[in-house]
mmCIF file of all heavy atoms, coordinates in Angstrom:
data_MODEL
# 
_entry.id   MODEL 
# 
loop_
_atom_site.group_PDB 
_atom_site.id 
_atom_site.type_symbol 
_atom_site.label_atom_id 
_atom_site.label_alt_id 
_atom_site.label_comp_id 
_atom_site.label_asym_id 
_atom_site.label_entity_id 
_atom_site.label_seq_id 
_atom_site.pdbx_PDB_ins_code 
_atom_site.Cartn_x 
_atom_site.Cartn_y 
_atom_site.Cartn_z 
_atom_site.occupancy 
_atom_site.B_iso_or_equiv 
_atom_site.pdbx_formal_charge 
_atom_site.auth_seq_id 
_atom_site.auth_comp_id 
_atom_site.auth_asym_id 
_atom_site.auth_atom_id 
_atom_site.pdbx_PDB_model_num 
ATOM 1   N N   . PRO A 1 1  ? -12.729 -5.143 -6.196  1.00 0.00 ? 1  PRO A N   1 
ATOM 2   C CA  . PRO A 1 1  ? -11.410 -4.651 -6.519  1.00 0.00 ? 1  PRO A CA  1 
ATOM 3   C C   . PRO A 1 1  ? -11.288 -4.228 -7.987  1.00 0.00 ? 1  PRO A C   1 
ATOM 4   O O   . PRO A 1 1  ? -10.322 -3.574 -8.351  1.00 0.00 ? 1  PRO A O   1 
ATOM 5   C CB  . PRO A 1 1  ? -10.482 -5.802 -6.210  1.00 0.00 ? 1  PRO A CB  1 
ATOM 6   C CG  . PRO A 1 1  ? -11.302 -6.967 -5.992  1.00 0.00 ? 1  PRO A CG  1 
ATOM 7   C CD  . PRO A 1 1  ? -12.714 -6.507 -5.736  1.00 0.00 ? 1  PRO A CD  1 
ATOM 8   N N   . ALA A 1 2  ? -12.262 -4.597 -8.811  1.00 0.00 ? 2  ALA A N   1 
ATOM 9   C CA  . ALA A 1 2  ? -12.251 -4.181 -10.219 1.00 0.00 ? 2  ALA A CA  1 
ATOM 10  C C   . ALA A 1 2  ? -12.733 -2.751 -10.378 1.00 0.00 ? 2  ALA A C   1 
ATOM 11  O O   . ALA A 1 2  ? -12.509 -2.101 -11.398 1.00 0.00 ? 2  ALA A O   1 
ATOM 12  C CB  . ALA A 1 2  ? -13.074 -5.117 -11.072 1.00 0.00 ? 2  ALA A CB  1 
ATOM 13  N N   . GLU A 1 3  ? -13.461 -2.252 -9.389  1.00 0.00 ? 3  GLU A N   1 
ATOM 14  C CA  . GLU A 1 3  ? -13.972 -0.861 -9.453  1.00 0.00 ? 3  GLU A CA  1 
ATOM 15  C C   . GLU A 1 3  ? -12.774 0.065  -9.323  1.00 0.00 ? 3  GLU A C   1 
ATOM 16  O O   . GLU A 1 3  ? -11.931 -0.099 -8.447  1.00 0.00 ? 3  GLU A O   1 
ATOM 17  C CB  . GLU A 1 3  ? -14.965 -0.652 -8.279  1.00 0.00 ? 3  GLU A CB  1 
ATOM 18  C CG  . GLU A 1 3  ? -15.814 0.606  -8.411  1.00 0.00 ? 3  GLU A CG  1 
ATOM 19  C CD  . GLU A 1 3  ? -15.087 1.823  -7.827  1.00 0.00 ? 3  GLU A CD  1 
ATOM 20  O OE1 . GLU A 1 3  ? -14.434 1.722  -6.780  1.00 0.00 ? 3  GLU A OE1 1 
ATOM 21  O OE2 . GLU A 1 3  ? -15.162 2.866  -8.470  1.00 0.00 ? 3  GLU A OE2 1 
ATOM 22  N N   . PRO A 1 4  ? -12.668 1.054  -10.209 1.00 0.00 ? 4  PRO A N   1 
ATOM 23  C CA  . PRO A 1 4  ? -11.438 1.919  -10.263 1.00 0.00 ? 4  PRO A CA  1 
ATOM 24  C C   . PRO A 1 4  ? -11.056 2.590  -8.939  1.00 0.00 ? 4  PRO A C   1 
ATOM 25  O O   . PRO A 1 4  ? -9.894  2.543  -8.572  1.00 0.00 ? 4  PRO A O   1 
ATOM 26  C CB  . PRO A 1 4  ? -11.780 2.946  -11.329 1.00 0.00 ? 4  PRO A CB  1 
ATOM 27  C CG  . PRO A 1 4  ? -12.814 2.302  -12.176 1.00 0.00 ? 4  PRO A CG  1 
ATOM 28  C CD  . PRO A 1 4  ? -13.600 1.398  -11.262 1.00 0.00 ? 4  PRO A CD  1 
ATOM 29  N N   . ARG A 1 5  ? -11.975 3.174  -8.232  1.00 0.00 ? 5  ARG A N   1 
ATOM 30  C CA  . ARG A 1 5  ? -11.657 3.838  -6.975  1.00 0.00 ? 5  ARG A CA  1 
ATOM 31  C C   . ARG A 1 5  ? -11.211 2.821  -5.910  1.00 0.00 ? 5  ARG A C   1 
ATOM 32  O O   . ARG A 1 5  ? -10.314 3.099  -5.147  1.00 0.00 ? 5  ARG A O   1 
ATOM 33  C CB  . ARG A 1 5  ? -12.845 4.647  -6.462  1.00 0.00 ? 5  ARG A CB  1 
ATOM 34  C CG  . ARG A 1 5  ? -13.205 5.801  -7.363  1.00 0.00 ? 5  ARG A CG  1 
ATOM 35  C CD  . ARG A 1 5  ? -12.842 7.057  -6.677  1.00 0.00 ? 5  ARG A CD  1 
ATOM 36  N NE  . ARG A 1 5  ? -13.360 8.182  -7.443  1.00 0.00 ? 5  ARG A NE  1 
ATOM 37  C CZ  . ARG A 1 5  ? -12.585 9.052  -8.023  1.00 0.00 ? 5  ARG A CZ  1 
ATOM 38  N NH1 . ARG A 1 5  ? -11.280 8.985  -7.932  1.00 0.00 ? 5  ARG A NH1 1 
ATOM 39  N NH2 . ARG A 1 5  ? -13.088 10.060 -8.733  1.00 0.00 ? 5  ARG A NH2 1 
ATOM 40  N N   . HIS A 1 6  ? -11.845 1.663  -5.899  1.00 0.00 ? 6  HIS A N   1 
ATOM 41  C CA  . HIS A 1 6  ? -11.471 0.626  -4.950  1.00 0.00 ? 6  HIS A CA  1 
ATOM 42  C C   . HIS A 1 6  ? -10.092 0.138  -5.267  1.00 0.00 ? 6  HIS A C   1 
ATOM 43  O O   . HIS A 1 6  ? -9.255  -0.006 -4.371  1.00 0.00 ? 6  HIS A O   1 
ATOM 44  C CB  . HIS A 1 6  ? -12.497 -0.496 -4.995  1.00 0.00 ? 6  HIS A CB  1 
ATOM 45  C CG  . HIS A 1 6  ? -12.194 -1.593 -4.054  1.00 0.00 ? 6  HIS A CG  1 
ATOM 46  N ND1 . HIS A 1 6  ? -12.546 -1.547 -2.738  1.00 0.00 ? 6  HIS A ND1 1 
ATOM 47  C CD2 . HIS A 1 6  ? -11.560 -2.799 -4.220  1.00 0.00 ? 6  HIS A CD2 1 
ATOM 48  C CE1 . HIS A 1 6  ? -12.156 -2.646 -2.129  1.00 0.00 ? 6  HIS A CE1 1 
ATOM 49  N NE2 . HIS A 1 6  ? -11.556 -3.420 -3.019  1.00 0.00 ? 6  HIS A NE2 1 
ATOM 50  N N   . ARG A 1 7  ? -9.803  -0.111 -6.510  1.00 0.00 ? 7  ARG A N   1 
ATOM 51  C CA  . ARG A 1 7  ? -8.469  -0.583 -6.943  1.00 0.00 ? 7  ARG A CA  1 
ATOM 52  C C   . ARG A 1 7  ? -7.408  0.441  -6.543  1.00 0.00 ? 7  ARG A C   1 
ATOM 53  O O   . ARG A 1 7  ? -6.367  0.089  -6.045  1.00 0.00 ? 7  ARG A O   1 
ATOM 54  C CB  . ARG A 1 7  ? -8.461  -0.884 -8.459  1.00 0.00 ? 7  ARG A CB  1 
ATOM 55  C CG  . ARG A 1 7  ? -7.154  -1.442 -8.939  1.00 0.00 ? 7  ARG A CG  1 
ATOM 56  C CD  . ARG A 1 7  ? -7.192  -1.846 -10.414 1.00 0.00 ? 7  ARG A CD  1 
ATOM 57  N NE  . ARG A 1 7  ? -7.733  -0.820 -11.293 1.00 0.00 ? 7  ARG A NE  1 
ATOM 58  C CZ  . ARG A 1 7  ? -8.949  -0.835 -11.867 1.00 0.00 ? 7  ARG A CZ  1 
ATOM 59  N NH1 . ARG A 1 7  ? -9.766  -1.872 -11.668 1.00 0.00 ? 7  ARG A NH1 1 
ATOM 60  N NH2 . ARG A 1 7  ? -9.321  0.129  -12.657 1.00 0.00 ? 7  ARG A NH2 1 
ATOM 61  N N   . GLU A 1 8  ? -7.709  1.709  -6.773  1.00 0.00 ? 8  GLU A N   1 
ATOM 62  C CA  . GLU A 1 8  ? -6.763  2.802  -6.434  1.00 0.00 ? 8  GLU A CA  1 
ATOM 63  C C   . GLU A 1 8  ? -6.515  2.811  -4.913  1.00 0.00 ? 8  GLU A C   1 
ATOM 64  O O   . GLU A 1 8  ? -5.385  2.930  -4.480  1.00 0.00 ? 8  GLU A O   1 
ATOM 65  C CB  . GLU A 1 8  ? -7.327  4.147  -6.870  1.00 0.00 ? 8  GLU A CB  1 
ATOM 66  C CG  . GLU A 1 8  ? -6.435  5.319  -6.583  1.00 0.00 ? 8  GLU A CG  1 
ATOM 67  C CD  . GLU A 1 8  ? -7.062  6.629  -7.032  1.00 0.00 ? 8  GLU A CD  1 
ATOM 68  O OE1 . GLU A 1 8  ? -7.984  6.637  -7.852  1.00 0.00 ? 8  GLU A OE1 1 
ATOM 69  O OE2 . GLU A 1 8  ? -6.597  7.648  -6.510  1.00 0.00 ? 8  GLU A OE2 1 
ATOM 70  N N   . ALA A 1 9  ? -7.553  2.668  -4.121  1.00 0.00 ? 9  ALA A N   1 
ATOM 71  C CA  . ALA A 1 9  ? -7.410  2.627  -2.655  1.00 0.00 ? 9  ALA A CA  1 
ATOM 72  C C   . ALA A 1 9  ? -6.563  1.438  -2.222  1.00 0.00 ? 9  ALA A C   1 
ATOM 73  O O   . ALA A 1 9  ? -5.731  1.544  -1.320  1.00 0.00 ? 9  ALA A O   1 
ATOM 74  C CB  . ALA A 1 9  ? -8.773  2.615  -1.994  1.00 0.00 ? 9  ALA A CB  1 
ATOM 75  N N   . LEU A 1 10 ? -6.770  0.275  -2.829  1.00 0.00 ? 10 LEU A N   1 
ATOM 76  C CA  . LEU A 1 10 ? -5.988  -0.891 -2.529  1.00 0.00 ? 10 LEU A CA  1 
ATOM 77  C C   . LEU A 1 10 ? -4.507  -0.688 -2.876  1.00 0.00 ? 10 LEU A C   1 
ATOM 78  O O   . LEU A 1 10 ? -3.606  -1.096 -2.136  1.00 0.00 ? 10 LEU A O   1 
ATOM 79  C CB  . LEU A 1 10 ? -6.534  -2.126 -3.239  1.00 0.00 ? 10 LEU A CB  1 
ATOM 80  C CG  . LEU A 1 10 ? -7.896  -2.635 -2.751  1.00 0.00 ? 10 LEU A CG  1 
ATOM 81  C CD1 . LEU A 1 10 ? -8.393  -3.743 -3.632  1.00 0.00 ? 10 LEU A CD1 1 
ATOM 82  C CD2 . LEU A 1 10 ? -7.830  -3.061 -1.312  1.00 0.00 ? 10 LEU A CD2 1 
ATOM 83  N N   . GLU A 1 11 ? -4.282  -0.005 -3.998  1.00 0.00 ? 11 GLU A N   1 
ATOM 84  C CA  . GLU A 1 11 ? -2.881  0.257  -4.400  1.00 0.00 ? 11 GLU A CA  1 
ATOM 85  C C   . GLU A 1 11 ? -2.194  1.222  -3.436  1.00 0.00 ? 11 GLU A C   1 
ATOM 86  O O   . GLU A 1 11 ? -1.032  1.003  -3.069  1.00 0.00 ? 11 GLU A O   1 
ATOM 87  C CB  . GLU A 1 11 ? -2.864  0.837  -5.813  1.00 0.00 ? 11 GLU A CB  1 
ATOM 88  C CG  . GLU A 1 11 ? -3.203  -0.193 -6.888  1.00 0.00 ? 11 GLU A CG  1 
ATOM 89  C CD  . GLU A 1 11 ? -3.460  0.404  -8.248  1.00 0.00 ? 11 GLU A CD  1 
ATOM 90  O OE1 . GLU A 1 11 ? -3.378  1.646  -8.430  1.00 0.00 ? 11 GLU A OE1 1 
ATOM 91  O OE2 . GLU A 1 11 ? -3.786  -0.389 -9.167  1.00 0.00 ? 11 GLU A OE2 1 
ATOM 92  N N   . ILE A 1 12 ? -2.914  2.228  -2.964  1.00 0.00 ? 12 ILE A N   1 
ATOM 93  C CA  . ILE A 1 12 ? -2.387  3.181  -1.976  1.00 0.00 ? 12 ILE A CA  1 
ATOM 94  C C   . ILE A 1 12 ? -2.073  2.430  -0.683  1.00 0.00 ? 12 ILE A C   1 
ATOM 95  O O   . ILE A 1 12 ? -1.036  2.605  -0.053  1.00 0.00 ? 12 ILE A O   1 
ATOM 96  C CB  . ILE A 1 12 ? -3.344  4.333  -1.749  1.00 0.00 ? 12 ILE A CB  1 
ATOM 97  C CG1 . ILE A 1 12 ? -3.420  5.208  -3.007  1.00 0.00 ? 12 ILE A CG1 1 
ATOM 98  C CG2 . ILE A 1 12 ? -2.942  5.161  -0.527  1.00 0.00 ? 12 ILE A CG2 1 
ATOM 99  C CD1 . ILE A 1 12 ? -4.549  6.239  -2.987  1.00 0.00 ? 12 ILE A CD1 1 
ATOM 100 N N   . THR A 1 13 ? -3.003  1.576  -0.267  1.00 0.00 ? 13 THR A N   1 
ATOM 101 C CA  . THR A 1 13 ? -2.806  0.766  0.935   1.00 0.00 ? 13 THR A CA  1 
ATOM 102 C C   . THR A 1 13 ? -1.569  -0.115 0.813   1.00 0.00 ? 13 THR A C   1 
ATOM 103 O O   . THR A 1 13 ? -0.749  -0.182 1.719   1.00 0.00 ? 13 THR A O   1 
ATOM 104 C CB  . THR A 1 13 ? -4.044  -0.064 1.215   1.00 0.00 ? 13 THR A CB  1 
ATOM 105 O OG1 . THR A 1 13 ? -5.144  0.808  1.422   1.00 0.00 ? 13 THR A OG1 1 
ATOM 106 C CG2 . THR A 1 13 ? -3.861  -0.926 2.465   1.00 0.00 ? 13 THR A CG2 1 
ATOM 107 N N   . ALA A 1 14 ? -1.425  -0.746 -0.336  1.00 0.00 ? 14 ALA A N   1 
ATOM 108 C CA  . ALA A 1 14 ? -0.241  -1.636 -0.508  1.00 0.00 ? 14 ALA A CA  1 
ATOM 109 C C   . ALA A 1 14 ? 1.049   -0.858 -0.510  1.00 0.00 ? 14 ALA A C   1 
ATOM 110 O O   . ALA A 1 14 ? 2.027   -1.279 0.098   1.00 0.00 ? 14 ALA A O   1 
ATOM 111 C CB  . ALA A 1 14 ? -0.419  -2.382 -1.865  1.00 0.00 ? 14 ALA A CB  1 
ATOM 112 N N   . ARG A 1 15 ? 1.072   0.348  -1.130  1.00 0.00 ? 15 ARG A N   1 
ATOM 113 C CA  . ARG A 1 15 ? 2.293   1.171  -1.130  1.00 0.00 ? 15 ARG A CA  1 
ATOM 114 C C   . ARG A 1 15 ? 2.616   1.659  0.282   1.00 0.00 ? 15 ARG A C   1 
ATOM 115 O O   . ARG A 1 15 ? 3.776   1.663  0.703   1.00 0.00 ? 15 ARG A O   1 
ATOM 116 C CB  . ARG A 1 15 ? 2.160   2.335  -2.072  1.00 0.00 ? 15 ARG A CB  1 
ATOM 117 C CG  . ARG A 1 15 ? 2.243   1.936  -3.538  1.00 0.00 ? 15 ARG A CG  1 
ATOM 118 C CD  . ARG A 1 15 ? 2.432   3.139  -4.482  1.00 0.00 ? 15 ARG A CD  1 
ATOM 119 N NE  . ARG A 1 15 ? 1.499   4.223  -4.255  1.00 0.00 ? 15 ARG A NE  1 
ATOM 120 C CZ  . ARG A 1 15 ? 0.328   4.412  -4.912  1.00 0.00 ? 15 ARG A CZ  1 
ATOM 121 N NH1 . ARG A 1 15 ? -0.005  3.524  -5.836  1.00 0.00 ? 15 ARG A NH1 1 
ATOM 122 N NH2 . ARG A 1 15 ? -0.422  5.437  -4.682  1.00 0.00 ? 15 ARG A NH2 1 
ATOM 123 N N   . THR A 1 16 ? 1.578   2.008  1.016   1.00 0.00 ? 16 THR A N   1 
ATOM 124 C CA  . THR A 1 16 ? 1.754   2.481  2.407   1.00 0.00 ? 16 THR A CA  1 
ATOM 125 C C   . THR A 1 16 ? 2.308   1.334  3.265   1.00 0.00 ? 16 THR A C   1 
ATOM 126 O O   . THR A 1 16 ? 3.268   1.541  4.049   1.00 0.00 ? 16 THR A O   1 
ATOM 127 C CB  . THR A 1 16 ? 0.429   2.988  2.997   1.00 0.00 ? 16 THR A CB  1 
ATOM 128 O OG1 . THR A 1 16 ? 0.003   4.073  2.167   1.00 0.00 ? 16 THR A OG1 1 
ATOM 129 C CG2 . THR A 1 16 ? 0.606   3.473  4.413   1.00 0.00 ? 16 THR A CG2 1 
ATOM 130 N N   . GLU A 1 17 ? 1.759   0.172  3.130   1.00 0.00 ? 17 GLU A N   1 
ATOM 131 C CA  . GLU A 1 17 ? 2.238   -0.980 3.894   1.00 0.00 ? 17 GLU A CA  1 
ATOM 132 C C   . GLU A 1 17 ? 3.684   -1.313 3.533   1.00 0.00 ? 17 GLU A C   1 
ATOM 133 O O   . GLU A 1 17 ? 4.484   -1.643 4.406   1.00 0.00 ? 17 GLU A O   1 
ATOM 134 C CB  . GLU A 1 17 ? 1.330   -2.198 3.697   1.00 0.00 ? 17 GLU A CB  1 
ATOM 135 C CG  . GLU A 1 17 ? 0.009   -2.034 4.404   1.00 0.00 ? 17 GLU A CG  1 
ATOM 136 C CD  . GLU A 1 17 ? -0.956  -3.191 4.177   1.00 0.00 ? 17 GLU A CD  1 
ATOM 137 O OE1 . GLU A 1 17 ? -0.534  -4.178 3.512   1.00 0.00 ? 17 GLU A OE1 1 
ATOM 138 O OE2 . GLU A 1 17 ? -2.095  -3.113 4.643   1.00 0.00 ? 17 GLU A OE2 1 
ATOM 139 N N   . ALA A 1 18 ? 4.021   -1.227 2.248   1.00 0.00 ? 18 ALA A N   1 
ATOM 140 C CA  . ALA A 1 18 ? 5.390   -1.510 1.845   1.00 0.00 ? 18 ALA A CA  1 
ATOM 141 C C   . ALA A 1 18 ? 6.363   -0.475 2.436   1.00 0.00 ? 18 ALA A C   1 
ATOM 142 O O   . ALA A 1 18 ? 7.461   -0.828 2.883   1.00 0.00 ? 18 ALA A O   1 
ATOM 143 C CB  . ALA A 1 18 ? 5.483   -1.486 0.285   1.00 0.00 ? 18 ALA A CB  1 
ATOM 144 N N   . ALA A 1 19 ? 5.945   0.780  2.478   1.00 0.00 ? 19 ALA A N   1 
ATOM 145 C CA  . ALA A 1 19 ? 6.783   1.835  3.074   1.00 0.00 ? 19 ALA A CA  1 
ATOM 146 C C   . ALA A 1 19 ? 6.995   1.596  4.579   1.00 0.00 ? 19 ALA A C   1 
ATOM 147 O O   . ALA A 1 19 ? 8.101   1.725  5.088   1.00 0.00 ? 19 ALA A O   1 
ATOM 148 C CB  . ALA A 1 19 ? 6.181   3.213  2.804   1.00 0.00 ? 19 ALA A CB  1 
ATOM 149 N N   . ILE A 1 20 ? 5.916   1.222  5.265   1.00 0.00 ? 20 ILE A N   1 
ATOM 150 C CA  . ILE A 1 20 ? 6.008   0.931  6.684   1.00 0.00 ? 20 ILE A CA  1 
ATOM 151 C C   . ILE A 1 20 ? 6.952   -0.273 6.913   1.00 0.00 ? 20 ILE A C   1 
ATOM 152 O O   . ILE A 1 20 ? 7.808   -0.227 7.780   1.00 0.00 ? 20 ILE A O   1 
ATOM 153 C CB  . ILE A 1 20 ? 4.631   0.671  7.282   1.00 0.00 ? 20 ILE A CB  1 
ATOM 154 C CG1 . ILE A 1 20 ? 3.784   1.950  7.256   1.00 0.00 ? 20 ILE A CG1 1 
ATOM 155 C CG2 . ILE A 1 20 ? 4.732   0.139  8.704   1.00 0.00 ? 20 ILE A CG2 1 
ATOM 156 C CD1 . ILE A 1 20 ? 2.300   1.738  7.546   1.00 0.00 ? 20 ILE A CD1 1 
ATOM 157 N N   . ALA A 1 21 ? 6.771   -1.307 6.105   1.00 0.00 ? 21 ALA A N   1 
ATOM 158 C CA  . ALA A 1 21 ? 7.632   -2.518 6.237   1.00 0.00 ? 21 ALA A CA  1 
ATOM 159 C C   . ALA A 1 21 ? 9.086   -2.148 5.995   1.00 0.00 ? 21 ALA A C   1 
ATOM 160 O O   . ALA A 1 21 ? 9.978   -2.624 6.721   1.00 0.00 ? 21 ALA A O   1 
ATOM 161 C CB  . ALA A 1 21 ? 7.162   -3.580 5.288   1.00 0.00 ? 21 ALA A CB  1 
ATOM 162 N N   . ASP A 1 22 ? 9.372   -1.317 5.006   1.00 0.00 ? 22 ASP A N   1 
ATOM 163 C CA  . ASP A 1 22 ? 10.727  -0.918 4.731   1.00 0.00 ? 22 ASP A CA  1 
ATOM 164 C C   . ASP A 1 22 ? 11.336  -0.138 5.906   1.00 0.00 ? 22 ASP A C   1 
ATOM 165 O O   . ASP A 1 22 ? 12.501  -0.419 6.287   1.00 0.00 ? 22 ASP A O   1 
ATOM 166 C CB  . ASP A 1 22 ? 10.811  -0.018 3.495   1.00 0.00 ? 22 ASP A CB  1 
ATOM 167 C CG  . ASP A 1 22 ? 10.607  -0.772 2.187   1.00 0.00 ? 22 ASP A CG  1 
ATOM 168 O OD1 . ASP A 1 22 ? 10.685  -2.017 2.219   1.00 0.00 ? 22 ASP A OD1 1 
ATOM 169 O OD2 . ASP A 1 22 ? 10.378  -0.116 1.155   1.00 0.00 ? 22 ASP A OD2 1 
ATOM 170 N N   . VAL A 1 23 ? 10.604  0.735  6.505   1.00 0.00 ? 23 VAL A N   1 
ATOM 171 C CA  . VAL A 1 23 ? 11.112  1.488  7.681   1.00 0.00 ? 23 VAL A CA  1 
ATOM 172 C C   . VAL A 1 23 ? 11.397  0.530  8.830   1.00 0.00 ? 23 VAL A C   1 
ATOM 173 O O   . VAL A 1 23 ? 12.474  0.591  9.417   1.00 0.00 ? 23 VAL A O   1 
ATOM 174 C CB  . VAL A 1 23 ? 10.099  2.585  8.089   1.00 0.00 ? 23 VAL A CB  1 
ATOM 175 C CG1 . VAL A 1 23 ? 10.467  3.184  9.453   1.00 0.00 ? 23 VAL A CG1 1 
ATOM 176 C CG2 . VAL A 1 23 ? 10.038  3.687  7.055   1.00 0.00 ? 23 VAL A CG2 1 
ATOM 177 N N   . LEU A 1 24 ? 10.458  -0.349 9.112   1.00 0.00 ? 24 LEU A N   1 
ATOM 178 C CA  . LEU A 1 24 ? 10.660  -1.310 10.223  1.00 0.00 ? 24 LEU A CA  1 
ATOM 179 C C   . LEU A 1 24 ? 11.854  -2.179 9.977   1.00 0.00 ? 24 LEU A C   1 
ATOM 180 O O   . LEU A 1 24 ? 12.677  -2.438 10.892  1.00 0.00 ? 24 LEU A O   1 
ATOM 181 C CB  . LEU A 1 24 ? 9.395   -2.165 10.428  1.00 0.00 ? 24 LEU A CB  1 
ATOM 182 C CG  . LEU A 1 24 ? 8.181   -1.423 10.942  1.00 0.00 ? 24 LEU A CG  1 
ATOM 183 C CD1 . LEU A 1 24 ? 6.980   -2.358 10.878  1.00 0.00 ? 24 LEU A CD1 1 
ATOM 184 C CD2 . LEU A 1 24 ? 8.403   -0.930 12.339  1.00 0.00 ? 24 LEU A CD2 1 
ATOM 185 N N   . HIS A 1 25 ? 12.016  -2.642 8.732   1.00 0.00 ? 25 HIS A N   1 
ATOM 186 C CA  . HIS A 1 25 ? 13.134  -3.522 8.428   1.00 0.00 ? 25 HIS A CA  1 
ATOM 187 C C   . HIS A 1 25 ? 14.449  -2.765 8.413   1.00 0.00 ? 25 HIS A C   1 
ATOM 188 O O   . HIS A 1 25 ? 15.433  -3.224 9.022   1.00 0.00 ? 25 HIS A O   1 
ATOM 189 C CB  . HIS A 1 25 ? 12.883  -4.226 7.057   1.00 0.00 ? 25 HIS A CB  1 
ATOM 190 C CG  . HIS A 1 25 ? 13.985  -5.136 6.670   1.00 0.00 ? 25 HIS A CG  1 
ATOM 191 N ND1 . HIS A 1 25 ? 14.242  -6.319 7.297   1.00 0.00 ? 25 HIS A ND1 1 
ATOM 192 C CD2 . HIS A 1 25 ? 14.912  -5.034 5.676   1.00 0.00 ? 25 HIS A CD2 1 
ATOM 193 C CE1 . HIS A 1 25 ? 15.292  -6.890 6.753   1.00 0.00 ? 25 HIS A CE1 1 
ATOM 194 N NE2 . HIS A 1 25 ? 15.708  -6.136 5.749   1.00 0.00 ? 25 HIS A NE2 1 
ATOM 195 N N   . ASN A 1 26 ? 14.477  -1.608 7.752   1.00 0.00 ? 26 ASN A N   1 
ATOM 196 C CA  . ASN A 1 26 ? 15.725  -0.845 7.606   1.00 0.00 ? 26 ASN A CA  1 
ATOM 197 C C   . ASN A 1 26 ? 16.203  -0.266 8.952   1.00 0.00 ? 26 ASN A C   1 
ATOM 198 O O   . ASN A 1 26 ? 17.369  -0.038 9.135   1.00 0.00 ? 26 ASN A O   1 
ATOM 199 C CB  . ASN A 1 26 ? 15.549  0.288  6.583   1.00 0.00 ? 26 ASN A CB  1 
ATOM 200 C CG  . ASN A 1 26 ? 15.363  -0.264 5.181   1.00 0.00 ? 26 ASN A CG  1 
ATOM 201 O OD1 . ASN A 1 26 ? 15.774  -1.364 4.890   1.00 0.00 ? 26 ASN A OD1 1 
ATOM 202 N ND2 . ASN A 1 26 ? 14.772  0.516  4.332   1.00 0.00 ? 26 ASN A ND2 1 
ATOM 203 N N   . LYS A 1 27 ? 15.295  -0.026 9.878   1.00 0.00 ? 27 LYS A N   1 
ATOM 204 C CA  . LYS A 1 27 ? 15.688  0.485  11.209  1.00 0.00 ? 27 LYS A CA  1 
ATOM 205 C C   . LYS A 1 27 ? 16.033  -0.634 12.138  1.00 0.00 ? 27 LYS A C   1 
ATOM 206 O O   . LYS A 1 27 ? 16.311  -0.410 13.346  1.00 0.00 ? 27 LYS A O   1 
ATOM 207 C CB  . LYS A 1 27 ? 14.536  1.316  11.810  1.00 0.00 ? 27 LYS A CB  1 
ATOM 208 C CG  . LYS A 1 27 ? 14.202  2.579  11.039  1.00 0.00 ? 27 LYS A CG  1 
ATOM 209 C CD  . LYS A 1 27 ? 15.220  3.639  11.281  1.00 0.00 ? 27 LYS A CD  1 
ATOM 210 C CE  . LYS A 1 27 ? 14.840  4.911  10.582  1.00 0.00 ? 27 LYS A CE  1 
ATOM 211 N NZ  . LYS A 1 27 ? 15.795  5.974  10.785  1.00 0.00 ? 27 LYS A NZ  1 
# 
């Protein structure tokens, strides 16, 4: 996770999961 591309991919995954969770919760 310290490797820059890996860290970036993890951040994208976390943002995507947060967006999915928001949709599920808000709906």
